[in-house]
Amino acid sequence: MNTKQKGQAIVETAIMLPIILLLILGAIDPFLFGMNNAMAKVYTYQGAHEATIWIAGDNQTCYERSHAILSDGVDPGLVQVSSWTFAIYPCPNDPYWTTPTGSEVLSTFEFDFTPFFWPTADWHGSVSTRGIFQ
């Protein structure tokens, strides 16, 4: 390999390295956002499921039972999330509340994702799941 070829390899590397790094680092934030969105979908499904099979008077309210799916109720295990909310409607904090069979419940999980590399404001994610009382 002569000196011209060595110089050409260095120039090609110097041109391609920033482009490759930009592509790799630019893909991290959308991947993490998608992962958080998938986890939120699981939480809404499980929350709706727990709310629909809840039985009145079992020493736990519909609200407590459906929110128990979020680990310990404090950290749902999301990455780079600055805030999140989890709501189920109708699902009051009343241990004797009942609803007729066939009624619908709506479980919603919303979160704000703070990107690592994209110079933008927080990304907002929202997932909703419907369930039918059994």
C-alpha atoms as a PDB file:
ATOM      1  CA  MET A   1       0.000   0.000   0.000  1.00  0.00           C
ATOM      2  CA  ASN A   2       1.563   3.258  -1.010  1.00  0.00           C
ATOM      3  CA  THR A   3       1.263   6.590   0.795  1.00  0.00           C
ATOM      4  CA  LYS A   4      -1.498   7.870  -1.515  1.00  0.00           C
ATOM      5  CA  GLN A   5      -3.701   4.906  -0.619  1.00  0.00           C
ATOM      6  CA  LYS A   6      -3.016   5.376   3.120  1.00  0.00           C
ATOM      7  CA  GLY A   7      -3.980   9.038   2.858  1.00  0.00           C
ATOM      8  CA  GLN A   8      -7.127   8.145   0.938  1.00  0.00           C
ATOM      9  CA  ALA A   9      -8.175   5.658   3.661  1.00  0.00           C
ATOM     10  CA  ILE A  10      -7.714   8.306   6.355  1.00  0.00           C
ATOM     11  CA  VAL A  11      -9.787  10.851   4.408  1.00  0.00           C
ATOM     12  CA  GLU A  12     -12.570   8.308   3.752  1.00  0.00           C
ATOM     13  CA  THR A  13     -12.650   7.367   7.431  1.00  0.00           C
ATOM     14  CA  ALA A  14     -12.718  11.020   8.468  1.00  0.00           C
ATOM     15  CA  ILE A  15     -15.702  11.624   6.184  1.00  0.00           C
ATOM     16  CA  MET A  16     -17.689   8.489   7.053  1.00  0.00           C
ATOM     17  CA  LEU A  17     -17.117   8.287  10.820  1.00  0.00           C
ATOM     18  CA  PRO A  18     -19.257  11.345  11.736  1.00  0.00           C
ATOM     19  CA  ILE A  19     -22.029  10.157   9.420  1.00  0.00           C
ATOM     20  CA  ILE A  20     -22.043   6.668  10.942  1.00  0.00           C
ATOM     21  CA  LEU A  21     -21.983   8.069  14.489  1.00  0.00           C
ATOM     22  CA  LEU A  22     -24.849  10.421  13.662  1.00  0.00           C
ATOM     23  CA  LEU A  23     -26.927   7.530  12.320  1.00  0.00           C
ATOM     24  CA  ILE A  24     -26.237   5.326  15.342  1.00  0.00           C
ATOM     25  CA  LEU A  25     -26.794   8.027  17.970  1.00  0.00           C
ATOM     26  CA  GLY A  26     -29.831   9.373  16.123  1.00  0.00           C
ATOM     27  CA  ALA A  27     -31.477   5.942  16.271  1.00  0.00           C
ATOM     28  CA  ILE A  28     -31.158   5.584  20.059  1.00  0.00           C
ATOM     29  CA  ASP A  29     -33.915   8.060  21.022  1.00  0.00           C
ATOM     30  CA  PRO A  30     -36.616   6.689  18.673  1.00  0.00           C
ATOM     31  CA  PHE A  31     -35.738   3.163  19.867  1.00  0.00           C
ATOM     32  CA  LEU A  32     -36.066   4.121  23.559  1.00  0.00           C
ATOM     33  CA  PHE A  33     -39.314   5.992  22.876  1.00  0.00           C
ATOM     34  CA  GLY A  34     -40.701   2.930  21.089  1.00  0.00           C
ATOM     35  CA  MET A  35     -39.616   0.683  23.956  1.00  0.00           C
ATOM     36  CA  ASN A  36     -41.369   2.955  26.477  1.00  0.00           C
ATOM     37  CA  ASN A  37     -44.463   3.013  24.283  1.00  0.00           C
ATOM     38  CA  ALA A  38     -44.510  -0.801  24.162  1.00  0.00           C
ATOM     39  CA  MET A  39     -44.175  -0.979  27.959  1.00  0.00           C
ATOM     40  CA  ALA A  40     -47.016   1.548  28.326  1.00  0.00           C
ATOM     41  CA  LYS A  41     -49.176  -0.642  26.085  1.00  0.00           C
ATOM     42  CA  VAL A  42     -48.548  -3.627  28.367  1.00  0.00           C
ATOM     43  CA  TYR A  43     -49.408  -1.546  31.459  1.00  0.00           C
ATOM     44  CA  THR A  44     -52.684  -0.316  29.958  1.00  0.00           C
ATOM     45  CA  TYR A  45     -53.690  -3.823  28.908  1.00  0.00           C
ATOM     46  CA  GLN A  46     -52.884  -5.260  32.343  1.00  0.00           C
ATOM     47  CA  GLY A  47     -54.611  -2.363  34.104  1.00  0.00           C
ATOM     48  CA  ALA A  48     -57.781  -2.751  32.027  1.00  0.00           C
ATOM     49  CA  HIS A  49     -57.695  -6.498  32.593  1.00  0.00           C
ATOM     50  CA  GLU A  50     -57.309  -6.118  36.376  1.00  0.00           C
ATOM     51  CA  ALA A  51     -60.102  -3.541  36.493  1.00  0.00           C
ATOM     52  CA  THR A  52     -62.512  -5.720  34.506  1.00  0.00           C
ATOM     53  CA  ILE A  53     -62.026  -8.823  36.672  1.00  0.00           C
ATOM     54  CA  TRP A  54     -62.129  -6.867  39.933  1.00  0.00           C
ATOM     55  CA  ILE A  55     -64.691  -8.143  42.437  1.00  0.00           C
ATOM     56  CA  ALA A  56     -66.319  -5.707  44.846  1.00  0.00           C
ATOM     57  CA  GLY A  57     -65.597  -6.226  48.528  1.00  0.00           C
ATOM     58  CA  ASP A  58     -62.300  -8.166  48.190  1.00  0.00           C
ATOM     59  CA  ASN A  59     -60.503  -5.756  50.605  1.00  0.00           C
ATOM     60  CA  GLN A  60     -58.866  -3.969  47.679  1.00  0.00           C
ATOM     61  CA  THR A  61     -60.429  -1.230  45.606  1.00  0.00           C
ATOM     62  CA  CYS A  62     -60.578  -1.377  41.829  1.00  0.00           C
ATOM     63  CA  TYR A  63     -58.125   1.542  41.779  1.00  0.00           C
ATOM     64  CA  GLU A  64     -55.604  -0.202  44.088  1.00  0.00           C
ATOM     65  CA  ARG A  65     -55.768  -3.507  42.217  1.00  0.00           C
ATOM     66  CA  SER A  66     -55.332  -1.979  38.763  1.00  0.00           C
ATOM     67  CA  HIS A  67     -52.469   0.290  39.897  1.00  0.00           C
ATOM     68  CA  ALA A  68     -50.623  -2.608  41.561  1.00  0.00           C
ATOM     69  CA  ILE A  69     -49.360  -3.665  38.125  1.00  0.00           C
ATOM     70  CA  LEU A  70     -46.886  -0.751  38.090  1.00  0.00           C
ATOM     71  CA  SER A  71     -44.029  -2.465  39.959  1.00  0.00           C
ATOM     72  CA  ASP A  72     -44.304  -0.804  43.340  1.00  0.00           C
ATOM     73  CA  GLY A  73     -46.540   2.020  42.165  1.00  0.00           C
ATOM     74  CA  VAL A  74     -43.625   4.464  41.960  1.00  0.00           C
ATOM     75  CA  ASP A  75     -41.299   3.401  39.126  1.00  0.00           C
ATOM     76  CA  PRO A  76     -42.818   1.610  36.139  1.00  0.00           C
ATOM     77  CA  GLY A  77     -39.341   0.912  34.724  1.00  0.00           C
ATOM     78  CA  LEU A  78     -39.389   3.394  31.854  1.00  0.00           C
ATOM     79  CA  VAL A  79     -36.164   4.881  30.422  1.00  0.00           C
ATOM     80  CA  GLN A  80     -35.541   8.666  30.262  1.00  0.00           C
ATOM     81  CA  VAL A  81     -39.132   9.490  31.261  1.00  0.00           C
ATOM     82  CA  SER A  82     -39.573  12.759  33.126  1.00  0.00           C
ATOM     83  CA  SER A  83     -43.232  12.243  34.123  1.00  0.00           C
ATOM     84  CA  TRP A  84     -46.009   9.698  33.699  1.00  0.00           C
ATOM     85  CA  THR A  85     -49.667   9.198  34.602  1.00  0.00           C
ATOM     86  CA  PHE A  86     -51.814   6.087  34.705  1.00  0.00           C
ATOM     87  CA  ALA A  87     -55.602   6.344  34.842  1.00  0.00           C
ATOM     88  CA  ILE A  88     -58.497   3.920  34.640  1.00  0.00           C
ATOM     89  CA  TYR A  89     -62.052   5.076  34.167  1.00  0.00           C
ATOM     90  CA  PRO A  90     -64.458   4.168  35.676  1.00  0.00           C
ATOM     91  CA  CYS A  91     -62.528   2.718  38.570  1.00  0.00           C
ATOM     92  CA  PRO A  92     -63.120   4.695  41.782  1.00  0.00           C
ATOM     93  CA  ASN A  93     -61.330   4.252  45.062  1.00  0.00           C
ATOM     94  CA  ASP A  94     -64.413   2.670  46.648  1.00  0.00           C
ATOM     95  CA  PRO A  95     -64.218  -1.005  47.755  1.00  0.00           C
ATOM     96  CA  TYR A  96     -67.993  -1.510  47.302  1.00  0.00           C
ATOM     97  CA  TRP A  97     -68.339   0.101  43.867  1.00  0.00           C
ATOM     98  CA  THR A  98     -69.856  -2.204  41.246  1.00  0.00           C
ATOM     99  CA  THR A  99     -70.725  -1.895  37.596  1.00  0.00           C
ATOM    100  CA  PRO A 100     -72.947  -4.019  35.368  1.00  0.00           C
ATOM    101  CA  THR A 101     -71.459  -6.825  33.289  1.00  0.00           C
ATOM    102  CA  GLY A 102     -70.651  -5.633  29.783  1.00  0.00           C
ATOM    103  CA  SER A 103     -69.695  -2.107  30.872  1.00  0.00           C
ATOM    104  CA  GLU A 104     -66.550  -0.662  29.349  1.00  0.00           C
ATOM    105  CA  VAL A 105     -63.388   0.438  31.164  1.00  0.00           C
ATOM    106  CA  LEU A 106     -60.690   2.672  29.652  1.00  0.00           C
ATOM    107  CA  SER A 107     -57.073   2.402  30.793  1.00  0.00           C
ATOM    108  CA  THR A 108     -54.705   5.231  29.770  1.00  0.00           C
ATOM    109  CA  PHE A 109     -50.945   5.598  30.293  1.00  0.00           C
ATOM    110  CA  GLU A 110     -49.254   8.875  29.327  1.00  0.00           C
ATOM    111  CA  PHE A 111     -45.575   9.760  29.585  1.00  0.00           C
ATOM    112  CA  ASP A 112     -43.100  12.470  28.634  1.00  0.00           C
ATOM    113  CA  PHE A 113     -39.819  11.198  27.181  1.00  0.00           C
ATOM    114  CA  THR A 114     -36.663  13.329  27.389  1.00  0.00           C
ATOM    115  CA  PRO A 115     -34.442  12.538  24.378  1.00  0.00           C
ATOM    116  CA  PHE A 116     -30.676  12.070  24.786  1.00  0.00           C
ATOM    117  CA  PHE A 117     -29.496  13.312  21.407  1.00  0.00           C
ATOM    118  CA  TRP A 118     -32.370  15.012  19.589  1.00  0.00           C
ATOM    119  CA  PRO A 119     -32.338  18.757  20.363  1.00  0.00           C
ATOM    120  CA  THR A 120     -36.093  19.041  20.899  1.00  0.00           C
ATOM    121  CA  ALA A 121     -38.549  19.345  23.745  1.00  0.00           C
ATOM    122  CA  ASP A 122     -39.883  16.255  25.512  1.00  0.00           C
ATOM    123  CA  TRP A 123     -41.713  13.712  23.376  1.00  0.00           C
ATOM    124  CA  HIS A 124     -45.206  12.851  24.609  1.00  0.00           C
ATOM    125  CA  GLY A 125     -46.505   9.299  24.469  1.00  0.00           C
ATOM    126  CA  SER A 126     -50.027   8.111  25.200  1.00  0.00           C
ATOM    127  CA  VAL A 127     -51.529   4.631  25.042  1.00  0.00           C
ATOM    128  CA  SER A 128     -55.148   3.643  25.774  1.00  0.00           C
ATOM    129  CA  THR A 129     -56.770   0.222  26.076  1.00  0.00           C
ATOM    130  CA  ARG A 130     -60.439  -0.624  26.465  1.00  0.00           C
ATOM    131  CA  GLY A 131     -61.804  -3.567  28.406  1.00  0.00           C
ATOM    132  CA  ILE A 132     -65.280  -5.001  29.087  1.00  0.00           C
ATOM    133  CA  PHE A 133     -66.428  -5.878  32.615  1.00  0.00           C
ATOM    134  CA  GLN A 134     -67.092  -9.587  32.982  1.00  0.00           C
END
